[in-house]
Amino acid sequence: DGKVRSDMCFLTGFMDVVSIDMTGEHFRMLFDVKGRFLNHRIKKEEAAYKLCNVKRVRTAAKGDPVITTHDGRTIRYPDPLIKMHDTVKDDIATNKAVDYIKYEPGN
C-alpha cells in the first residue's frame, strides 16, 4: 500500500501489492479456487493502483462525502455516483478514487 515493510512476518491481505526492489518484481495477492493466497505477477503500471470494494458511504463531521473500503481505507470526495458494493480503482500514491465499476447482478 505504498509503505516500505522490511519485516518478513508482516501480514499481507487480499489485493495488496508486494514489490521486490532487488529483482524489480511486483506481485498482487489474490485467492486461488481453493481460497488460498496466490502471488500473481503484475507489471509496474499495475502496482500503482489497488481495487477496493466500497463497504460504506457516508458524510464526515463537516459534511464531506466519504467512502470506506474493504481494507479500511477512507477516501474523501469520491464521485457522487459511487454507491455501496461498487469497486473503486484507488491510486496508492494519492489515495484518490481514479475510476469505479458499478455493482450489478451478474458482474
Protein backbone atom coordinates (compact mmCIF):
# COMPACT_ATOMS: atom_id res chain seq x y z
CA ASP A 1 0.00 0.00 0.00
CA GLY A 2 2.87 2.37 -0.73
CA LYS A 3 4.65 1.76 2.59
CA VAL A 4 8.04 0.07 2.82
CA ARG A 5 7.93 -3.01 5.04
CA SER A 6 11.15 -4.83 5.90
CA ASP A 7 9.62 -7.23 8.42
CA MET A 8 9.30 -10.70 6.82
CA CYS A 9 6.43 -11.56 9.18
CA PHE A 10 4.27 -8.53 8.27
CA LEU A 11 0.86 -9.73 7.08
CA THR A 12 -0.47 -9.10 3.59
CA GLY A 13 -4.10 -9.16 2.61
CA PHE A 14 -6.34 -9.55 -0.41
CA MET A 15 -5.38 -7.25 -3.35
CA ASP A 16 -2.22 -5.99 -1.56
CA VAL A 17 0.77 -5.21 -3.79
CA VAL A 18 4.15 -6.68 -2.87
CA SER A 19 7.17 -5.14 -4.65
CA ILE A 20 10.69 -6.54 -4.52
CA ASP A 21 13.15 -3.78 -5.44
CA MET A 22 16.21 -6.02 -5.82
CA THR A 23 14.61 -8.01 -8.64
CA GLY A 24 12.15 -5.37 -9.90
CA GLU A 25 9.20 -7.75 -9.50
CA HIS A 26 5.69 -6.80 -8.41
CA PHE A 27 3.00 -9.17 -7.14
CA ARG A 28 -0.67 -8.80 -6.21
CA MET A 29 -2.12 -11.06 -3.52
CA LEU A 30 -5.19 -12.91 -4.84
CA PHE A 31 -7.14 -16.04 -3.94
CA ASP A 32 -6.98 -19.28 -5.93
CA VAL A 33 -10.00 -21.56 -6.45
CA LYS A 34 -9.44 -23.27 -3.09
CA GLY A 35 -9.31 -20.00 -1.11
CA ARG A 36 -5.54 -19.89 -0.62
CA PHE A 37 -3.40 -16.82 -1.26
CA LEU A 38 -1.74 -16.68 -4.67
CA ASN A 39 1.11 -14.37 -5.74
CA HIS A 40 0.03 -13.01 -9.13
CA ARG A 41 2.85 -11.30 -11.05
CA ILE A 42 1.88 -7.83 -12.32
CA LYS A 43 3.55 -5.01 -14.27
CA LYS A 44 4.92 -1.85 -12.68
CA GLU A 45 1.99 0.20 -14.01
CA GLU A 46 -0.50 -2.13 -12.28
CA ALA A 47 1.38 -1.85 -8.98
CA ALA A 48 0.41 1.83 -8.76
CA TYR A 49 -3.26 1.14 -8.04
CA LYS A 50 -5.46 -1.13 -5.97
CA LEU A 51 -9.02 -2.34 -6.49
CA CYS A 52 -11.15 -1.82 -3.39
CA ASN A 53 -14.73 -2.80 -2.57
CA VAL A 54 -16.86 0.02 -1.10
CA LYS A 55 -18.30 -1.05 2.26
CA ARG A 56 -19.78 2.24 3.47
CA VAL A 57 -20.84 5.61 2.01
CA ARG A 58 -21.35 8.43 4.49
CA THR A 59 -20.67 12.07 5.26
CA ALA A 60 -17.90 13.10 7.64
CA ALA A 61 -18.21 15.52 10.58
CA LYS A 62 -18.14 18.69 8.47
CA GLY A 63 -20.38 17.30 5.74
CA ASP A 64 -17.61 15.99 3.47
CA PRO A 65 -18.63 12.89 1.48
CA VAL A 66 -16.54 9.85 2.41
CA ILE A 67 -16.38 6.19 1.34
CA THR A 68 -14.83 3.36 3.35
CA THR A 69 -13.34 0.36 1.53
CA HIS A 70 -12.89 -3.31 2.42
CA ASP A 71 -9.35 -2.78 3.71
CA GLY A 72 -10.16 0.19 5.96
CA ARG A 73 -9.17 2.99 3.59
CA THR A 74 -11.15 6.22 3.79
CA ILE A 75 -11.43 8.15 0.55
CA ARG A 76 -12.73 11.72 0.73
CA TYR A 77 -14.72 13.49 -2.00
CA PRO A 78 -15.48 10.45 -4.20
CA ASP A 79 -17.64 10.55 -7.31
CA PRO A 80 -21.27 11.07 -6.18
CA LEU A 81 -22.38 8.09 -8.31
CA ILE A 82 -20.31 5.63 -6.22
CA LYS A 83 -22.59 3.53 -4.03
CA MET A 84 -22.12 0.67 -1.57
CA HIS A 85 -20.71 -2.61 -3.03
CA ASP A 86 -19.14 -0.82 -6.03
CA THR A 87 -15.48 -1.42 -6.87
CA VAL A 88 -13.12 1.57 -6.80
CA LYS A 89 -9.76 1.82 -8.56
CA ASP A 90 -7.68 3.54 -5.87
CA ASP A 91 -4.40 5.28 -6.67
CA ILE A 92 -1.98 4.16 -3.93
CA ALA A 93 0.25 7.26 -4.03
CA THR A 94 -2.53 9.85 -3.68
CA ASN A 95 -5.31 7.74 -2.08
CA LYS A 96 -7.82 9.07 -4.63
CA ALA A 97 -10.57 7.16 -6.42
CA VAL A 98 -9.46 7.17 -10.07
CA ASP A 99 -12.26 5.06 -11.55
CA TYR A 100 -15.11 2.84 -10.39
CA ILE A 101 -17.14 -0.14 -11.54
CA LYS A 102 -20.84 -0.28 -10.67
CA TYR A 103 -22.10 -3.34 -8.82
CA GLU A 104 -24.72 -5.13 -10.89
CA PRO A 105 -26.10 -8.65 -10.62
CA GLY A 106 -24.05 -10.86 -12.93
CA ASN A 107 -20.80 -8.88 -12.70
